[in-house]
């Protein structure tokens, strides 16, 4: 069984930075996809950034140039570095792990990011 635990959220001023972490436990060697998603109150969960097994990444237009997704295989950890944060980035951020074989997906419990002065 795979478990994901996010951390790193908090309250930050506009223009500030945060680095989110997602630590995975279990057998994840053959995982195909890691992603960061976010859900703001009253809105649907949306993709923020993706990290594929190939090493390719992609980003939502709203965060391009401000966020960087990365992965440390040795630590089984996915990161999301967020810079120049805006109030509209306020949301609960979730980590997702996906195995294409059998389409098994796992989610973390979320970490809250609040951008406010």
PDB file of N, CA and C in Angstrom:
ATOM      1  N   UNK A   1       0.838  -1.179   0.000  1.00  0.00           N
ATOM      2  CA  UNK A   1       0.000   0.000   0.000  1.00  0.00           C
ATOM      3  C   UNK A   1       0.883   1.242   0.000  1.00  0.00           C
ATOM      4  N   UNK A   2       0.502   2.226  -0.777  1.00  0.00           N
ATOM      5  CA  UNK A   2       1.258   3.469  -0.883  1.00  0.00           C
ATOM      6  C   UNK A   2       0.590   4.533  -0.035  1.00  0.00           C
ATOM      7  N   UNK A   3       1.397   5.272   0.681  1.00  0.00           N
ATOM      8  CA  UNK A   3       0.897   6.413   1.439  1.00  0.00           C
ATOM      9  C   UNK A   3       1.685   7.648   1.060  1.00  0.00           C
ATOM     10  N   UNK A   4       0.981   8.766   0.979  1.00  0.00           N
ATOM     11  CA  UNK A   4       1.588  10.050   0.636  1.00  0.00           C
ATOM     12  C   UNK A   4       1.313  11.036   1.755  1.00  0.00           C
ATOM     13  N   UNK A   5       2.349  11.757   2.162  1.00  0.00           N
ATOM     14  CA  UNK A   5       2.194  12.742   3.227  1.00  0.00           C
ATOM     15  C   UNK A   5       2.800  14.058   2.759  1.00  0.00           C
ATOM     16  N   UNK A   6       1.933  15.067   2.656  1.00  0.00           N
ATOM     17  CA  UNK A   6       2.379  16.394   2.246  1.00  0.00           C
ATOM     18  C   UNK A   6       2.743  17.238   3.457  1.00  0.00           C
ATOM     19  N   UNK A   7       3.602  18.203   3.236  1.00  0.00           N
ATOM     20  CA  UNK A   7       3.952  19.179   4.263  1.00  0.00           C
ATOM     21  C   UNK A   7       4.484  20.422   3.576  1.00  0.00           C
ATOM     22  N   UNK A   8       4.669  21.471   4.364  1.00  0.00           N
ATOM     23  CA  UNK A   8       5.269  22.685   3.830  1.00  0.00           C
ATOM     24  C   UNK A   8       4.314  23.835   3.596  1.00  0.00           C
ATOM     25  N   UNK A   9       3.028  23.588   3.761  1.00  0.00           N
ATOM     26  CA  UNK A   9       2.076  24.673   3.582  1.00  0.00           C
ATOM     27  C   UNK A   9       2.138  25.668   4.731  1.00  0.00           C
ATOM     28  N   UNK A  10       1.388  26.750   4.578  1.00  0.00           N
ATOM     29  CA  UNK A  10       1.357  27.755   5.625  1.00  0.00           C
ATOM     30  C   UNK A  10       0.793  29.058   5.120  1.00  0.00           C
ATOM     31  N   UNK A  11       0.939  30.070   5.955  1.00  0.00           N
ATOM     32  CA  UNK A  11       0.489  31.427   5.628  1.00  0.00           C
ATOM     33  C   UNK A  11       1.695  32.230   5.144  1.00  0.00           C
ATOM     34  N   UNK A  12       1.548  32.855   4.001  1.00  0.00           N
ATOM     35  CA  UNK A  12       2.655  33.615   3.427  1.00  0.00           C
ATOM     36  C   UNK A  12       2.119  34.899   2.818  1.00  0.00           C
ATOM     37  N   UNK A  13       2.913  35.943   2.845  1.00  0.00           N
ATOM     38  CA  UNK A  13       2.530  37.208   2.215  1.00  0.00           C
ATOM     39  C   UNK A  13       2.587  37.107   0.700  1.00  0.00           C
ATOM     40  N   UNK A  14       1.790  37.895   0.007  1.00  0.00           N
ATOM     41  CA  UNK A  14       1.909  37.941  -1.464  1.00  0.00           C
ATOM     42  C   UNK A  14       3.344  38.260  -1.855  1.00  0.00           C
ATOM     43  N   UNK A  15       3.817  37.553  -2.867  1.00  0.00           N
ATOM     44  CA  UNK A  15       5.203  37.697  -3.285  1.00  0.00           C
ATOM     45  C   UNK A  15       6.158  36.753  -2.598  1.00  0.00           C
ATOM     46  N   UNK A  16       5.685  36.070  -1.586  1.00  0.00           N
ATOM     47  CA  UNK A  16       6.532  35.148  -0.835  1.00  0.00           C
ATOM     48  C   UNK A  16       6.685  33.804  -1.516  1.00  0.00           C
ATOM     49  N   UNK A  17       7.402  32.920  -0.837  1.00  0.00           N
ATOM     50  CA  UNK A  17       7.700  31.596  -1.393  1.00  0.00           C
ATOM     51  C   UNK A  17       7.406  30.508  -0.375  1.00  0.00           C
ATOM     52  N   UNK A  18       7.105  29.332  -0.894  1.00  0.00           N
ATOM     53  CA  UNK A  18       6.948  28.129  -0.088  1.00  0.00           C
ATOM     54  C   UNK A  18       7.477  26.951  -0.881  1.00  0.00           C
ATOM     55  N   UNK A  19       7.941  25.943  -0.169  1.00  0.00           N
ATOM     56  CA  UNK A  19       8.287  24.682  -0.808  1.00  0.00           C
ATOM     57  C   UNK A  19       7.468  23.566  -0.174  1.00  0.00           C
ATOM     58  N   UNK A  20       6.638  22.963  -0.965  1.00  0.00           N
ATOM     59  CA  UNK A  20       5.827  21.840  -0.514  1.00  0.00           C
ATOM     60  C   UNK A  20       6.592  20.541  -0.740  1.00  0.00           C
ATOM     61  N   UNK A  21       6.383  19.603   0.168  1.00  0.00           N
ATOM     62  CA  UNK A  21       6.997  18.280   0.049  1.00  0.00           C
ATOM     63  C   UNK A  21       5.930  17.213   0.124  1.00  0.00           C
ATOM     64  N   UNK A  22       6.180  16.118  -0.563  1.00  0.00           N
ATOM     65  CA  UNK A  22       5.276  14.967  -0.533  1.00  0.00           C
ATOM     66  C   UNK A  22       6.150  13.724  -0.416  1.00  0.00           C
ATOM     67  N   UNK A  23       6.091  13.091   0.735  1.00  0.00           N
ATOM     68  CA  UNK A  23       6.893  11.895   0.981  1.00  0.00           C
ATOM     69  C   UNK A  23       6.033  10.665   0.753  1.00  0.00           C
ATOM     70  N   UNK A  24       6.556   9.749  -0.038  1.00  0.00           N
ATOM     71  CA  UNK A  24       5.825   8.522  -0.343  1.00  0.00           C
ATOM     72  C   UNK A  24       6.436   7.335   0.377  1.00  0.00           C
ATOM     73  N   UNK A  25       5.577   6.476   0.875  1.00  0.00           N
ATOM     74  CA  UNK A  25       6.023   5.226   1.474  1.00  0.00           C
ATOM     75  C   UNK A  25       5.355   4.076   0.737  1.00  0.00           C
ATOM     76  N   UNK A  26       5.996   2.917   0.773  1.00  0.00           N
ATOM     77  CA  UNK A  26       5.479   1.775   0.037  1.00  0.00           C
ATOM     78  C   UNK A  26       6.291   1.523  -1.213  1.00  0.00           C
ATOM     79  N   UNK A  27       5.810   0.628  -2.003  1.00  0.00           N
ATOM     80  CA  UNK A  27       6.505   0.231  -3.230  1.00  0.00           C
ATOM     81  C   UNK A  27       6.157   1.192  -4.358  1.00  0.00           C
ATOM     82  N   UNK A  28       7.011   2.152  -4.607  1.00  0.00           N
ATOM     83  CA  UNK A  28       6.733   3.173  -5.623  1.00  0.00           C
ATOM     84  C   UNK A  28       7.742   3.161  -6.749  1.00  0.00           C
ATOM     85  N   UNK A  29       8.599   2.170  -6.798  1.00  0.00           N
ATOM     86  CA  UNK A  29       9.661   2.136  -7.791  1.00  0.00           C
ATOM     87  C   UNK A  29       9.105   2.208  -9.209  1.00  0.00           C
ATOM     88  N   UNK A  30       7.979   1.564  -9.444  1.00  0.00           N
ATOM     89  CA  UNK A  30       7.422   1.513 -10.793  1.00  0.00           C
ATOM     90  C   UNK A  30       6.364   2.581 -11.041  1.00  0.00           C
ATOM     91  N   UNK A  31       6.330   3.593 -10.191  1.00  0.00           N
ATOM     92  CA  UNK A  31       5.338   4.647 -10.393  1.00  0.00           C
ATOM     93  C   UNK A  31       5.596   5.390 -11.696  1.00  0.00           C
ATOM     94  N   UNK A  32       4.534   5.844 -12.321  1.00  0.00           N
ATOM     95  CA  UNK A  32       4.619   6.468 -13.640  1.00  0.00           C
ATOM     96  C   UNK A  32       4.416   7.978 -13.622  1.00  0.00           C
ATOM     97  N   UNK A  33       3.739   8.443 -12.602  1.00  0.00           N
ATOM     98  CA  UNK A  33       3.342   9.859 -12.620  1.00  0.00           C
ATOM     99  C   UNK A  33       3.241  10.386 -11.194  1.00  0.00           C
ATOM    100  N   UNK A  34       3.743  11.594 -10.992  1.00  0.00           N
ATOM    101  CA  UNK A  34       3.553  12.332  -9.739  1.00  0.00           C
ATOM    102  C   UNK A  34       2.961  13.688 -10.115  1.00  0.00           C
ATOM    103  N   UNK A  35       2.097  14.173  -9.286  1.00  0.00           N
ATOM    104  CA  UNK A  35       1.537  15.474  -9.588  1.00  0.00           C
ATOM    105  C   UNK A  35       1.150  16.252  -8.351  1.00  0.00           C
ATOM    106  N   UNK A  36       1.105  17.551  -8.499  1.00  0.00           N
ATOM    107  CA  UNK A  36       0.551  18.454  -7.483  1.00  0.00           C
ATOM    108  C   UNK A  36      -0.748  19.032  -8.027  1.00  0.00           C
ATOM    109  N   UNK A  37      -1.773  18.972  -7.210  1.00  0.00           N
ATOM    110  CA  UNK A  37      -3.070  19.530  -7.530  1.00  0.00           C
ATOM    111  C   UNK A  37      -3.456  20.471  -6.401  1.00  0.00           C
ATOM    112  N   UNK A  38      -4.432  21.323  -6.667  1.00  0.00           N
ATOM    113  CA  UNK A  38      -4.919  22.203  -5.606  1.00  0.00           C
ATOM    114  C   UNK A  38      -6.422  22.373  -5.723  1.00  0.00           C
ATOM    115  N   UNK A  39      -7.017  22.645  -4.588  1.00  0.00           N
ATOM    116  CA  UNK A  39      -8.468  22.828  -4.518  1.00  0.00           C
ATOM    117  C   UNK A  39      -8.766  24.016  -3.624  1.00  0.00           C
ATOM    118  N   UNK A  40      -9.357  25.035  -4.223  1.00  0.00           N
ATOM    119  CA  UNK A  40      -9.758  26.216  -3.477  1.00  0.00           C
ATOM    120  C   UNK A  40     -11.225  26.076  -3.089  1.00  0.00           C
ATOM    121  N   UNK A  41     -11.655  26.745  -2.034  1.00  0.00           N
ATOM    122  CA  UNK A  41     -13.065  26.646  -1.614  1.00  0.00           C
ATOM    123  C   UNK A  41     -14.006  27.005  -2.745  1.00  0.00           C
ATOM    124  N   UNK A  42     -14.979  26.149  -2.997  1.00  0.00           N
ATOM    125  CA  UNK A  42     -15.966  26.411  -4.027  1.00  0.00           C
ATOM    126  C   UNK A  42     -15.504  26.125  -5.435  1.00  0.00           C
ATOM    127  N   UNK A  43     -14.281  25.625  -5.579  1.00  0.00           N
ATOM    128  CA  UNK A  43     -13.751  25.341  -6.911  1.00  0.00           C
ATOM    129  C   UNK A  43     -13.364  23.876  -7.033  1.00  0.00           C
ATOM    130  N   UNK A  44     -13.260  23.422  -8.263  1.00  0.00           N
ATOM    131  CA  UNK A  44     -12.849  22.044  -8.506  1.00  0.00           C
ATOM    132  C   UNK A  44     -11.339  21.902  -8.331  1.00  0.00           C
ATOM    133  N   UNK A  45     -10.944  20.691  -8.005  1.00  0.00           N
ATOM    134  CA  UNK A  45      -9.524  20.407  -7.892  1.00  0.00           C
ATOM    135  C   UNK A  45      -8.887  20.560  -9.271  1.00  0.00           C
ATOM    136  N   UNK A  46      -7.737  21.228  -9.313  1.00  0.00           N
ATOM    137  CA  UNK A  46      -7.082  21.478 -10.582  1.00  0.00           C
ATOM    138  C   UNK A  46      -5.610  21.088 -10.525  1.00  0.00           C
ATOM    139  N   UNK A  47      -5.091  20.760 -11.689  1.00  0.00           N
ATOM    140  CA  UNK A  47      -3.685  20.408 -11.801  1.00  0.00           C
ATOM    141  C   UNK A  47      -2.813  21.643 -11.650  1.00  0.00           C
ATOM    142  N   UNK A  48      -1.741  21.491 -10.887  1.00  0.00           N
ATOM    143  CA  UNK A  48      -0.750  22.557 -10.768  1.00  0.00           C
ATOM    144  C   UNK A  48       0.490  22.198 -11.582  1.00  0.00           C
ATOM    145  N   UNK A  49       1.020  20.993 -11.337  1.00  0.00           N
ATOM    146  CA  UNK A  49       2.244  20.588 -12.020  1.00  0.00           C
ATOM    147  C   UNK A  49       2.336  19.070 -12.038  1.00  0.00           C
ATOM    148  N   UNK A  50       2.983  18.553 -13.076  1.00  0.00           N
ATOM    149  CA  UNK A  50       3.148  17.112 -13.255  1.00  0.00           C
ATOM    150  C   UNK A  50       4.608  16.751 -13.420  1.00  0.00           C
ATOM    151  N   UNK A  51       4.932  15.540 -12.947  1.00  0.00           N
ATOM    152  CA  UNK A  51       6.280  14.998 -13.120  1.00  0.00           C
ATOM    153  C   UNK A  51       6.113  13.566 -13.599  1.00  0.00           C
ATOM    154  N   UNK A  52       6.574  13.298 -14.801  1.00  0.00           N
ATOM    155  CA  UNK A  52       6.393  11.983 -15.394  1.00  0.00           C
ATOM    156  C   UNK A  52       7.635  11.118 -15.191  1.00  0.00           C
ATOM    157  N   UNK A  53       7.455   9.802 -15.318  1.00  0.00           N
ATOM    158  CA  UNK A  53       8.540   8.844 -15.122  1.00  0.00           C
ATOM    159  C   UNK A  53       9.736   9.165 -16.023  1.00  0.00           C
ATOM    160  N   UNK A  54       9.441   9.707 -17.195  1.00  0.00           N
ATOM    161  CA  UNK A  54      10.499  10.061 -18.145  1.00  0.00           C
ATOM    162  C   UNK A  54      11.335  11.243 -17.679  1.00  0.00           C
ATOM    163  N   UNK A  55      10.816  11.962 -16.692  1.00  0.00           N
ATOM    164  CA  UNK A  55      11.486  13.178 -16.255  1.00  0.00           C
ATOM    165  C   UNK A  55      10.837  14.432 -16.808  1.00  0.00           C
ATOM    166  N   UNK A  56       9.909  14.240 -17.735  1.00  0.00           N
ATOM    167  CA  UNK A  56       9.204  15.394 -18.294  1.00  0.00           C
ATOM    168  C   UNK A  56       8.306  16.024 -17.238  1.00  0.00           C
ATOM    169  N   UNK A  57       8.112  17.311 -17.379  1.00  0.00           N
ATOM    170  CA  UNK A  57       7.245  18.052 -16.470  1.00  0.00           C
ATOM    171  C   UNK A  57       6.300  18.931 -17.269  1.00  0.00           C
ATOM    172  N   UNK A  58       5.191  19.280 -16.648  1.00  0.00           N
ATOM    173  CA  UNK A  58       4.360  20.325 -17.224  1.00  0.00           C
ATOM    174  C   UNK A  58       3.662  21.081 -16.110  1.00  0.00           C
ATOM    175  N   UNK A  59       3.183  22.266 -16.453  1.00  0.00           N
ATOM    176  CA  UNK A  59       2.632  23.191 -15.470  1.00  0.00           C
ATOM    177  C   UNK A  59       1.346  23.816 -15.974  1.00  0.00           C
ATOM    178  N   UNK A  60       0.489  24.141 -15.029  1.00  0.00           N
ATOM    179  CA  UNK A  60      -0.680  24.930 -15.361  1.00  0.00           C
ATOM    180  C   UNK A  60      -0.222  26.320 -15.788  1.00  0.00           C
ATOM    181  N   UNK A  61      -0.941  26.918 -16.709  1.00  0.00           N
ATOM    182  CA  UNK A  61      -0.558  28.252 -17.192  1.00  0.00           C
ATOM    183  C   UNK A  61      -0.479  29.256 -16.048  1.00  0.00           C
ATOM    184  N   UNK A  62      -1.335  29.083 -15.055  1.00  0.00           N
ATOM    185  CA  UNK A  62      -1.419  30.046 -13.953  1.00  0.00           C
ATOM    186  C   UNK A  62      -0.173  30.052 -13.071  1.00  0.00           C
ATOM    187  N   UNK A  63       0.646  29.004 -13.147  1.00  0.00           N
ATOM    188  CA  UNK A  63       1.824  28.931 -12.276  1.00  0.00           C
ATOM    189  C   UNK A  63       3.129  28.879 -13.062  1.00  0.00           C
ATOM    190  N   UNK A  64       3.054  28.853 -14.372  1.00  0.00           N
ATOM    191  CA  UNK A  64       4.278  28.795 -15.184  1.00  0.00           C
ATOM    192  C   UNK A  64       5.187  29.964 -14.865  1.00  0.00           C
ATOM    193  N   UNK A  65       6.452  29.663 -14.678  1.00  0.00           N
ATOM    194  CA  UNK A  65       7.428  30.687 -14.357  1.00  0.00           C
ATOM    195  C   UNK A  65       7.518  30.999 -12.885  1.00  0.00           C
ATOM    196  N   UNK A  66       6.571  30.487 -12.106  1.00  0.00           N
ATOM    197  CA  UNK A  66       6.577  30.750 -10.656  1.00  0.00           C
ATOM    198  C   UNK A  66       6.784  29.484  -9.832  1.00  0.00           C
ATOM    199  N   UNK A  67       6.498  28.335 -10.422  1.00  0.00           N
ATOM    200  CA  UNK A  67       6.581  27.076  -9.684  1.00  0.00           C
ATOM    201  C   UNK A  67       7.513  26.100 -10.384  1.00  0.00           C
ATOM    202  N   UNK A  68       8.156  25.259  -9.579  1.00  0.00           N
ATOM    203  CA  UNK A  68       9.028  24.224 -10.108  1.00  0.00           C
ATOM    204  C   UNK A  68       8.737  22.920  -9.384  1.00  0.00           C
ATOM    205  N   UNK A  69       8.443  21.886 -10.154  1.00  0.00           N
ATOM    206  CA  UNK A  69       8.219  20.564  -9.581  1.00  0.00           C
ATOM    207  C   UNK A  69       9.504  19.760  -9.731  1.00  0.00           C
ATOM    208  N   UNK A  70       9.829  19.005  -8.695  1.00  0.00           N
ATOM    209  CA  UNK A  70      11.032  18.183  -8.747  1.00  0.00           C
ATOM    210  C   UNK A  70      10.837  16.949  -7.888  1.00  0.00           C
ATOM    211  N   UNK A  71      11.722  15.985  -8.081  1.00  0.00           N
ATOM    212  CA  UNK A  71      11.590  14.718  -7.366  1.00  0.00           C
ATOM    213  C   UNK A  71      12.970  14.258  -6.921  1.00  0.00           C
ATOM    214  N   UNK A  72      13.022  13.787  -5.689  1.00  0.00           N
ATOM    215  CA  UNK A  72      14.238  13.193  -5.146  1.00  0.00           C
ATOM    216  C   UNK A  72      13.980  11.698  -4.983  1.00  0.00           C
ATOM    217  N   UNK A  73      14.485  10.911  -5.895  1.00  0.00           N
ATOM    218  CA  UNK A  73      14.202   9.471  -5.858  1.00  0.00           C
ATOM    219  C   UNK A  73      14.754   8.806  -4.601  1.00  0.00           C
ATOM    220  N   UNK A  74      15.901   9.262  -4.161  1.00  0.00           N
ATOM    221  CA  UNK A  74      16.524   8.647  -2.985  1.00  0.00           C
ATOM    222  C   UNK A  74      15.678   8.846  -1.734  1.00  0.00           C
ATOM    223  N   UNK A  75      14.944   9.943  -1.709  1.00  0.00           N
ATOM    224  CA  UNK A  75      14.112  10.254  -0.548  1.00  0.00           C
ATOM    225  C   UNK A  75      12.646   9.950  -0.782  1.00  0.00           C
ATOM    226  N   UNK A  76      12.322   9.424  -1.961  1.00  0.00           N
ATOM    227  CA  UNK A  76      10.913   9.164  -2.301  1.00  0.00           C
ATOM    228  C   UNK A  76      10.055  10.403  -2.061  1.00  0.00           C
ATOM    229  N   UNK A  77      10.563  11.535  -2.474  1.00  0.00           N
ATOM    230  CA  UNK A  77       9.904  12.796  -2.161  1.00  0.00           C
ATOM    231  C   UNK A  77       9.715  13.629  -3.425  1.00  0.00           C
ATOM    232  N   UNK A  78       8.532  14.198  -3.513  1.00  0.00           N
ATOM    233  CA  UNK A  78       8.188  15.136  -4.574  1.00  0.00           C
ATOM    234  C   UNK A  78       8.116  16.526  -3.965  1.00  0.00           C
ATOM    235  N   UNK A  79       8.617  17.511  -4.688  1.00  0.00           N
ATOM    236  CA  UNK A  79       8.622  18.879  -4.195  1.00  0.00           C
ATOM    237  C   UNK A  79       7.856  19.796  -5.154  1.00  0.00           C
ATOM    238  N   UNK A  80       7.370  20.885  -4.605  1.00  0.00           N
ATOM    239  CA  UNK A  80       6.827  21.967  -5.408  1.00  0.00           C
ATOM    240  C   UNK A  80       7.343  23.267  -4.814  1.00  0.00           C
ATOM    241  N   UNK A  81       8.265  23.884  -5.516  1.00  0.00           N
ATOM    242  CA  UNK A  81       8.775  25.188  -5.111  1.00  0.00           C
ATOM    243  C   UNK A  81       7.867  26.252  -5.721  1.00  0.00           C
ATOM    244  N   UNK A  82       7.315  27.081  -4.875  1.00  0.00           N
ATOM    245  CA  UNK A  82       6.397  28.118  -5.339  1.00  0.00           C
ATOM    246  C   UNK A  82       6.952  29.481  -4.972  1.00  0.00           C
ATOM    247  N   UNK A  83       7.123  30.321  -5.964  1.00  0.00           N
ATOM    248  CA  UNK A  83       7.652  31.670  -5.760  1.00  0.00           C
ATOM    249  C   UNK A  83       6.643  32.707  -6.213  1.00  0.00           C
ATOM    250  N   UNK A  84       6.851  33.933  -5.765  1.00  0.00           N
ATOM    251  CA  UNK A  84       5.970  35.043  -6.144  1.00  0.00           C
ATOM    252  C   UNK A  84       4.494  34.644  -5.966  1.00  0.00           C
ATOM    253  N   UNK A  85       4.191  34.147  -4.791  1.00  0.00           N
ATOM    254  CA  UNK A  85       2.841  33.653  -4.538  1.00  0.00           C
ATOM    255  C   UNK A  85       1.819  34.776  -4.580  1.00  0.00           C
ATOM    256  N   UNK A  86       0.629  34.439  -5.050  1.00  0.00           N
ATOM    257  CA  UNK A  86      -0.466  35.391  -5.190  1.00  0.00           C
ATOM    258  C   UNK A  86      -1.650  34.928  -4.356  1.00  0.00           C
ATOM    259  N   UNK A  87      -2.535  35.837  -3.979  1.00  0.00           N
ATOM    260  CA  UNK A  87      -3.718  35.428  -3.205  1.00  0.00           C
ATOM    261  C   UNK A  87      -4.511  34.322  -3.899  1.00  0.00           C
ATOM    262  N   UNK A  88      -4.533  34.330  -5.204  1.00  0.00           N
ATOM    263  CA  UNK A  88      -5.291  33.302  -5.934  1.00  0.00           C
ATOM    264  C   UNK A  88      -4.623  31.924  -5.884  1.00  0.00           C
ATOM    265  N   UNK A  89      -3.437  31.844  -5.312  1.00  0.00           N
ATOM    266  CA  UNK A  89      -2.800  30.541  -5.099  1.00  0.00           C
ATOM    267  C   UNK A  89      -3.303  29.871  -3.818  1.00  0.00           C
ATOM    268  N   UNK A  90      -4.098  30.593  -3.044  1.00  0.00           N
ATOM    269  CA  UNK A  90      -4.635  30.039  -1.812  1.00  0.00           C
ATOM    270  C   UNK A  90      -5.501  28.820  -2.100  1.00  0.00           C
ATOM    271  N   UNK A  91      -5.149  27.706  -1.490  1.00  0.00           N
ATOM    272  CA  UNK A  91      -5.868  26.453  -1.730  1.00  0.00           C
ATOM    273  C   UNK A  91      -5.256  25.364  -0.850  1.00  0.00           C
ATOM    274  N   UNK A  92      -5.924  24.231  -0.835  1.00  0.00           N
ATOM    275  CA  UNK A  92      -5.312  23.038  -0.275  1.00  0.00           C
ATOM    276  C   UNK A  92      -4.585  22.322  -1.404  1.00  0.00           C
ATOM    277  N   UNK A  93      -3.345  21.992  -1.177  1.00  0.00           N
ATOM    278  CA  UNK A  93      -2.518  21.374  -2.205  1.00  0.00           C
ATOM    279  C   UNK A  93      -2.371  19.882  -1.909  1.00  0.00           C
ATOM    280  N   UNK A  94      -2.593  19.100  -2.942  1.00  0.00           N
ATOM    281  CA  UNK A  94      -2.565  17.644  -2.818  1.00  0.00           C
ATOM    282  C   UNK A  94      -1.510  17.046  -3.740  1.00  0.00           C
ATOM    283  N   UNK A  95      -0.905  15.994  -3.255  1.00  0.00           N
ATOM    284  CA  UNK A  95       0.046  15.221  -4.039  1.00  0.00           C
ATOM    285  C   UNK A  95      -0.661  13.976  -4.572  1.00  0.00           C
ATOM    286  N   UNK A  96      -0.353  13.607  -5.790  1.00  0.00           N
ATOM    287  CA  UNK A  96      -0.942  12.419  -6.408  1.00  0.00           C
ATOM    288  C   UNK A  96       0.148  11.558  -7.013  1.00  0.00           C
ATOM    289  N   UNK A  97      -0.007  10.257  -6.844  1.00  0.00           N
ATOM    290  CA  UNK A  97       0.903   9.278  -7.427  1.00  0.00           C
ATOM    291  C   UNK A  97       0.086   8.300  -8.242  1.00  0.00           C
ATOM    292  N   UNK A  98       0.577   7.951  -9.414  1.00  0.00           N
ATOM    293  CA  UNK A  98      -0.200   7.110 -10.322  1.00  0.00           C
ATOM    294  C   UNK A  98       0.664   6.004 -10.922  1.00  0.00           C
ATOM    295  N   UNK A  99       0.093   4.803 -10.942  1.00  0.00           N
ATOM    296  CA  UNK A  99       0.672   3.671 -11.652  1.00  0.00           C
ATOM    297  C   UNK A  99      -0.239   3.384 -12.837  1.00  0.00           C
ATOM    298  N   UNK A 100       0.290   3.479 -14.055  1.00  0.00           N
ATOM    299  CA  UNK A 100      -0.528   3.238 -15.227  1.00  0.00           C
ATOM    300  C   UNK A 100      -1.047   1.794 -15.244  1.00  0.00           C
ATOM    301  N   UNK A 101      -0.218   0.853 -14.804  1.00  0.00           N
ATOM    302  CA  UNK A 101      -0.641  -0.532 -14.757  1.00  0.00           C
ATOM    303  C   UNK A 101      -1.715  -0.692 -13.703  1.00  0.00           C
ATOM    304  N   UNK A 102      -2.903  -1.040 -14.140  1.00  0.00           N
ATOM    305  CA  UNK A 102      -4.024  -1.174 -13.226  1.00  0.00           C
ATOM    306  C   UNK A 102      -4.647   0.147 -12.833  1.00  0.00           C
ATOM    307  N   UNK A 103      -4.080   1.213 -13.346  1.00  0.00           N
ATOM    308  CA  UNK A 103      -4.536   2.591 -13.071  1.00  0.00           C
ATOM    309  C   UNK A 103      -4.770   2.774 -11.574  1.00  0.00           C
ATOM    310  N   UNK A 104      -3.704   2.551 -10.817  1.00  0.00           N
ATOM    311  CA  UNK A 104      -3.799   2.752  -9.367  1.00  0.00           C
ATOM    312  C   UNK A 104      -3.328   4.170  -9.056  1.00  0.00           C
ATOM    313  N   UNK A 105      -4.173   4.915  -8.383  1.00  0.00           N
ATOM    314  CA  UNK A 105      -3.805   6.266  -8.005  1.00  0.00           C
ATOM    315  C   UNK A 105      -3.938   6.464  -6.514  1.00  0.00           C
ATOM    316  N   UNK A 106      -3.073   7.282  -5.986  1.00  0.00           N
ATOM    317  CA  UNK A 106      -3.027   7.564  -4.556  1.00  0.00           C
ATOM    318  C   UNK A 106      -2.933   9.070  -4.341  1.00  0.00           C
ATOM    319  N   UNK A 107      -3.587   9.524  -3.272  1.00  0.00           N
ATOM    320  CA  UNK A 107      -3.596  10.935  -2.930  1.00  0.00           C
ATOM    321  C   UNK A 107      -3.129  11.114  -1.500  1.00  0.00           C
ATOM    322  N   UNK A 108      -2.495  12.241  -1.257  1.00  0.00           N
ATOM    323  CA  UNK A 108      -2.174  12.616   0.100  1.00  0.00           C
ATOM    324  C   UNK A 108      -3.358  13.298   0.755  1.00  0.00           C
ATOM    325  N   UNK A 109      -3.152  13.721   1.995  1.00  0.00           N
ATOM    326  CA  UNK A 109      -4.246  14.325   2.767  1.00  0.00           C
ATOM    327  C   UNK A 109      -4.353  15.818   2.526  1.00  0.00           C
ATOM    328  N   UNK A 110      -3.350  16.402   1.891  1.00  0.00           N
ATOM    329  CA  UNK A 110      -3.386  17.821   1.565  1.00  0.00           C
ATOM    330  C   UNK A 110      -2.642  18.685   2.563  1.00  0.00           C
ATOM    331  N   UNK A 111      -2.163  19.819   2.070  1.00  0.00           N
ATOM    332  CA  UNK A 111      -1.530  20.817   2.930  1.00  0.00           C
ATOM    333  C   UNK A 111      -2.053  22.185   2.505  1.00  0.00           C
ATOM    334  N   UNK A 112      -2.414  23.003   3.478  1.00  0.00           N
ATOM    335  CA  UNK A 112      -3.066  24.281   3.200  1.00  0.00           C
ATOM    336  C   UNK A 112      -2.034  25.365   2.911  1.00  0.00           C
ATOM    337  N   UNK A 113      -2.270  26.076   1.841  1.00  0.00           N
ATOM    338  CA  UNK A 113      -1.462  27.254   1.495  1.00  0.00           C
ATOM    339  C   UNK A 113      -2.383  28.461   1.486  1.00  0.00           C
ATOM    340  N   UNK A 114      -2.040  29.458   2.266  1.00  0.00           N
ATOM    341  CA  UNK A 114      -2.810  30.692   2.325  1.00  0.00           C
ATOM    342  C   UNK A 114      -1.895  31.860   2.020  1.00  0.00           C
ATOM    343  N   UNK A 115      -2.265  32.620   1.003  1.00  0.00           N
ATOM    344  CA  UNK A 115      -1.472  33.783   0.599  1.00  0.00           C
ATOM    345  C   UNK A 115      -2.284  35.028   0.921  1.00  0.00           C
ATOM    346  N   UNK A 116      -1.823  35.768   1.894  1.00  0.00           N
ATOM    347  CA  UNK A 116      -2.581  36.920   2.367  1.00  0.00           C
ATOM    348  C   UNK A 116      -1.665  37.849   3.130  1.00  0.00           C
ATOM    349  N   UNK A 117      -1.980  39.134   3.033  1.00  0.00           N
ATOM    350  CA  UNK A 117      -1.232  40.123   3.809  1.00  0.00           C
ATOM    351  C   UNK A 117      -1.975  40.466   5.095  1.00  0.00           C
TER     352      UNK A 117
END
